Protein backbone atom coordinates (compact mmCIF):
# COMPACT_ATOMS: atom_id res chain seq x y z
CA MET A 1 97.22 -98.64 129.95
CA ARG A 2 101.24 -99.63 131.03
CA ARG A 3 102.70 -99.39 127.07
CA LEU A 4 100.40 -95.85 126.93
CA GLY A 5 102.27 -94.72 130.23
CA ASN A 6 105.73 -95.36 128.36
CA VAL A 7 104.86 -93.69 125.37
CA PHE A 8 103.44 -90.68 126.53
CA ALA A 9 107.06 -91.05 128.93
CA SER A 10 109.28 -91.38 126.26
CA LEU A 11 107.44 -88.14 123.72
CA LEU A 12 108.03 -86.41 126.95
CA LEU A 13 111.58 -86.82 127.17
CA THR A 14 111.92 -86.48 123.51
CA VAL A 15 109.85 -82.83 123.80
CA THR A 16 111.58 -82.12 126.69
CA ALA A 17 115.27 -82.51 125.22
CA THR A 18 114.23 -80.75 121.98
CA PHE A 19 113.38 -77.92 124.40
CA VAL A 20 116.39 -78.38 126.36
CA GLY A 21 118.80 -78.33 123.47
CA ALA A 22 116.52 -74.98 121.46
CA LEU A 23 117.47 -73.28 124.42
CA ALA A 24 120.87 -74.38 124.64
CA MET A 25 121.39 -73.04 120.91
CA PRO A 26 121.73 -68.97 119.61
CA GLU A 27 118.99 -68.69 117.28
CA LYS A 28 119.78 -66.06 114.11
CA ALA A 29 118.47 -62.56 113.78
CA LEU A 30 115.94 -62.60 110.87
CA ALA A 31 117.91 -60.04 109.33
CA ASP A 32 121.20 -60.96 110.15
CA GLY A 33 122.99 -62.52 107.21
CA CYS A 34 127.06 -62.12 108.84
CA TYR A 35 127.94 -64.99 111.07
CA THR A 36 125.58 -67.22 113.67
CA TRP A 37 127.03 -69.01 116.56
CA GLY A 38 126.19 -72.37 117.02
CA ARG A 39 127.25 -73.44 120.33
CA GLN A 40 127.37 -72.18 123.36
CA LEU A 41 131.59 -70.47 124.21
CA SER A 42 133.31 -71.11 127.55
CA GLU A 43 136.64 -70.88 129.06
CA GLY A 44 138.91 -74.02 127.47
CA THR A 45 136.33 -73.58 124.07
CA SER A 46 138.69 -73.04 120.93
CA GLY A 47 138.10 -72.66 117.34
CA GLU A 48 136.44 -70.39 114.34
CA ASP A 49 133.45 -69.69 116.35
CA VAL A 50 135.63 -67.71 119.45
CA ARG A 51 137.53 -66.51 116.62
CA GLN A 52 134.56 -64.27 115.28
CA LEU A 53 133.41 -63.71 119.28
CA GLN A 54 136.59 -61.65 120.46
CA ILE A 55 136.39 -59.70 117.45
CA ARG A 56 133.19 -58.17 118.59
CA ILE A 57 133.55 -58.19 121.93
CA SER A 58 137.44 -56.48 121.92
CA GLY A 59 136.47 -53.67 123.33
CA TYR A 60 136.03 -54.89 126.51
CA PRO A 61 139.76 -55.93 127.47
CA GLY A 62 139.88 -53.46 130.67
CA TYR A 63 141.61 -50.71 131.13
CA GLY A 64 145.23 -50.91 129.26
CA GLY A 65 144.52 -54.45 128.13
CA VAL A 66 143.95 -56.05 124.57
CA LEU A 67 141.89 -59.03 123.66
CA ALA A 68 143.65 -61.72 121.65
CA VAL A 69 141.89 -62.60 118.88
CA ASP A 70 143.45 -66.06 118.18
CA GLY A 71 140.22 -68.81 118.40
CA GLN A 72 141.52 -69.77 122.08
CA PHE A 73 138.77 -68.99 125.00
CA GLY A 74 140.80 -67.89 127.94
CA ALA A 75 140.96 -65.94 131.17
CA GLY A 76 140.87 -62.88 129.28
CA THR A 77 138.21 -63.79 126.86
CA LYS A 78 136.08 -64.71 130.33
CA ALA A 79 136.69 -61.43 131.46
CA ALA A 80 135.72 -59.33 128.52
CA VAL A 81 133.01 -61.67 127.97
CA VAL A 82 131.46 -60.63 131.47
CA ARG A 83 132.38 -57.07 130.97
CA PHE A 84 130.31 -57.28 128.16
CA GLN A 85 127.53 -58.85 129.91
CA GLN A 86 127.74 -56.03 132.12
CA ALA A 87 127.37 -53.66 129.55
CA TYR A 88 124.28 -54.51 128.56
CA GLY A 89 122.52 -55.71 131.44
CA LEU A 90 122.91 -59.39 131.29
CA ALA A 91 124.07 -62.03 133.88
CA ASP A 92 127.55 -61.87 133.68
CA ASP A 93 128.43 -65.62 134.20
CA GLY A 94 131.15 -65.05 130.98
CA ILE A 95 130.07 -67.97 129.23
CA ALA A 96 129.32 -67.03 125.59
CA GLY A 97 125.33 -68.27 125.47
CA PRO A 98 121.78 -67.49 123.47
CA ASN A 99 121.16 -63.73 125.25
CA THR A 100 125.08 -63.16 124.89
CA PHE A 101 125.01 -64.21 120.93
CA ALA A 102 121.20 -62.06 120.78
CA LYS A 103 122.65 -58.44 121.89
CA ILE A 104 125.75 -59.40 119.66
CA TYR A 105 122.76 -59.97 116.56
CA ALA A 106 121.34 -56.44 117.37
CA LEU A 107 124.28 -54.75 117.28
CA GLN A 108 125.70 -56.26 114.22
CA ASP A 109 125.21 -55.18 109.97
CA ASP A 110 124.68 -57.93 107.15
CA ASP A 111 128.52 -57.72 106.63
CA CYS A 112 129.98 -58.17 110.48
CA THR A 113 130.24 -54.46 110.66
CA PRO A 114 128.84 -53.08 114.45
CA VAL A 115 125.75 -51.05 113.63
CA ASN A 116 127.00 -47.88 114.31
CA PHE A 117 130.07 -48.12 112.02
CA SER A 118 130.61 -48.73 108.42
CA TYR A 119 133.29 -50.05 106.02
CA ALA A 120 132.75 -46.63 103.98
CA GLU A 121 132.44 -45.13 106.96
CA LEU A 122 137.22 -46.08 107.71
CA ASN A 123 138.35 -46.02 104.09
CA ASP A 124 137.62 -42.40 102.06
CA CYS A 125 140.61 -43.67 100.56
CA ASN A 126 139.25 -46.46 97.86
CA SER A 127 136.65 -48.93 97.37
CA THR A 128 139.50 -51.70 97.50
CA TRP A 129 141.81 -51.50 100.86
CA ALA A 130 144.66 -51.73 98.30
CA GLY A 131 147.33 -49.72 98.48
CA GLY A 132 148.97 -49.50 102.05
CA ASN A 133 151.62 -51.68 103.67
CA VAL A 134 149.48 -54.86 104.33
CA SER A 135 147.23 -57.14 101.99
CA ALA A 136 143.45 -55.59 101.47
CA ALA A 137 142.34 -58.34 103.00
CA THR A 138 144.27 -57.67 106.45
CA ALA A 139 143.59 -54.06 105.84
CA LYS A 140 140.02 -54.60 106.04
CA ALA A 141 139.79 -57.34 108.48
CA ASN A 142 141.81 -54.72 111.08
CA ALA A 143 139.65 -52.02 110.28
CA LEU A 144 136.68 -54.28 110.77
CA LEU A 145 138.43 -54.74 114.94
CA SER A 146 138.84 -51.61 115.30
CA MET A 147 135.24 -50.85 114.30
CA TRP A 148 133.95 -53.30 116.72
CA LYS A 149 136.36 -51.32 119.83
CA LEU A 150 134.81 -48.39 118.70
CA GLN A 151 131.01 -49.83 119.26
CA ALA A 152 132.62 -50.57 122.56
CA MET A 153 133.53 -47.12 123.24
CA ARG A 154 130.25 -45.45 121.89
CA HIS A 155 128.08 -47.87 124.65
CA ALA A 156 130.25 -46.82 127.03
CA LEU A 157 129.99 -43.18 126.47
CA GLY A 158 126.08 -42.95 126.24
CA ASP A 159 125.37 -44.44 123.09
CA GLN A 160 126.37 -40.54 121.21
CA GLN A 161 128.10 -40.90 118.02
CA ILE A 162 131.73 -40.98 117.44
CA ARG A 163 132.56 -38.55 114.43
CA VAL A 164 135.59 -40.69 112.34
CA THR A 165 137.63 -38.12 110.40
CA SER A 166 140.03 -40.39 108.58
CA GLY A 167 140.95 -44.92 108.68
CA PHE A 168 142.87 -46.42 106.19
CA ARG A 169 145.47 -44.97 103.58
CA SER A 170 146.75 -46.23 100.92
CA VAL A 171 150.51 -45.10 100.42
CA ALA A 172 149.42 -42.55 98.10
CA CYS A 173 146.70 -40.97 100.36
CA ASN A 174 148.87 -40.96 103.24
CA ASN A 175 150.88 -38.95 101.13
CA ALA A 176 148.15 -36.50 100.16
CA ALA A 177 147.03 -36.08 104.00
CA GLY A 178 150.79 -35.85 104.52
CA GLY A 179 151.41 -38.40 106.97
CA ALA A 180 154.42 -40.23 108.01
CA SER A 181 155.99 -43.33 105.90
CA SER A 182 155.22 -45.58 109.24
CA SER A 183 151.65 -44.44 110.04
CA ARG A 184 148.78 -47.27 111.32
CA HIS A 185 146.85 -45.31 108.31
CA LEU A 186 149.02 -48.07 105.94
CA TYR A 187 147.37 -51.42 107.72
CA GLY A 188 143.86 -50.35 108.26
CA ASP A 189 144.14 -50.16 111.69
CA ALA A 190 144.61 -46.16 112.57
CA VAL A 191 141.17 -44.27 113.59
CA ASP A 192 141.48 -40.63 113.39
CA LEU A 193 138.10 -38.88 115.96
CA GLY A 194 136.87 -36.15 115.71
CA ALA A 195 134.73 -33.87 118.47
CA GLY A 196 131.34 -33.76 118.61
CA PRO A 197 129.31 -34.68 121.48
CA HIS A 198 132.81 -35.74 123.08
CA THR A 199 135.94 -33.30 123.43
CA LEU A 200 138.74 -35.00 121.80
CA CYS A 201 140.32 -35.16 125.32
CA ARG A 202 136.88 -37.23 126.47
CA LEU A 203 137.35 -39.72 123.53
CA ALA A 204 141.55 -39.87 124.39
CA GLN A 205 140.94 -41.17 128.01
CA GLN A 206 137.55 -43.40 126.67
CA ALA A 207 139.92 -44.97 124.73
CA ARG A 208 142.08 -46.45 127.42
CA ASN A 209 139.41 -48.44 128.38
CA HIS A 210 139.21 -50.30 124.46
CA GLY A 211 142.34 -52.02 123.01
CA PHE A 212 143.93 -49.45 121.58
CA PRO A 213 147.74 -49.64 122.07
CA GLY A 214 147.72 -46.35 120.29
CA ILE A 215 146.62 -43.18 121.60
CA LEU A 216 147.05 -39.84 120.45
CA GLY A 217 145.66 -36.39 121.13
CA PRO A 218 146.12 -33.01 122.00
CA GLY A 219 149.24 -31.85 123.32
CA TYR A 220 151.11 -35.29 121.11
CA PRO A 221 152.76 -33.43 118.02
CA ASP A 222 150.09 -32.05 115.20
CA HIS A 223 147.29 -34.12 117.19
CA ASN A 224 145.91 -30.99 118.45
CA ASP A 225 142.63 -30.91 115.69
CA HIS A 226 141.56 -34.72 116.23
CA THR A 227 142.41 -37.69 118.55
CA HIS A 228 143.99 -40.66 117.35
CA VAL A 229 144.01 -44.12 118.34
CA ASP A 230 144.72 -47.66 116.31
CA ARG A 231 146.04 -50.95 117.71
CA ARG A 232 149.84 -51.53 117.15
CA SER A 233 152.43 -54.00 118.87
CA SER A 234 152.93 -52.03 121.85
CA ARG A 235 151.89 -49.13 123.62
CA PHE A 236 152.03 -45.64 123.09
CA TRP A 237 149.96 -42.89 125.01
CA SER A 238 150.15 -39.55 124.26
CA ALA A 239 147.87 -36.74 125.00
CA PRO A 240 149.57 -34.81 127.53
CA ASN A 241 146.87 -32.10 127.40
CA CYS A 242 144.35 -34.88 128.29
CA GLY A 243 146.55 -36.88 131.72
CA VAL A 244 147.05 -39.61 128.70
CA SER A 245 150.19 -40.69 129.05
CA SER A 246 152.18 -44.36 129.10
CA SER A 247 153.82 -43.66 131.83
CA LEU A 248 150.66 -43.72 133.94
CA VAL A 249 150.18 -47.14 133.50
CA GLU A 250 151.05 -49.19 135.88
CA SER A 251 151.34 -52.76 133.84
CA ILE A 252 151.30 -53.08 130.04
CA ASP A 253 151.06 -56.56 129.58
CA PRO A 254 148.17 -57.13 127.07
CA VAL A 255 145.27 -59.65 127.93
CA GLU A 256 146.66 -63.49 126.35
CA GLY A 257 148.49 -61.05 123.78
CA THR A 258 148.07 -58.72 121.34
CA GLY A 259 146.63 -61.35 118.74
CA PRO A 260 147.06 -61.00 114.92
């Protein structure tokens, strides 16, 4: 009888350990072919899985902030995770676990783009992402980061459409559009937004919360018909007709740096 009891206890421990392990590991979404996290992430962890998380929460750095995409889970990343969790009604513990990853899986397509934006939408210049001021791979990666910021912005604006009118440009496409020789469109991290469900001013104002160091809109020369957002290395906000100005920001320090 004692032996049977020991066997039962051993079996119970094995089942319990398996169950607890399953709870601790996020599951891959059935239709998701992009990226799967294999562990819980919290402050102090580091690695490629942290970097992949940072890309997807890059739109939650807080007002005027820019989240580093460096693979280091620091205080800024924890704060961004908390904001993401709060935005979607999750327990806001700042730890990326099964529920947080499940929400991210639901928000992304098989190519890692957020469900409401696409590579094609951010590049009507060519299909290769070549010909700009950075490599094709870098331009495409920059566009992906911008899309996740726009996804956060879209959710904050009531999950209504954000209309993209221009994204990546090669030098030839930029010249044809009359763009400046230093345009951020040549780097793949700039996006022009047109009026739709939201006014251009509403877009410029909201963009301040989602990790865009560059915001140009109504009142800035040649920007009365669109709002421009980008990921330049230092903050420049100018949409005078909308009350958007760098001078209105108390601090220009990014959250954990600007990232690559």
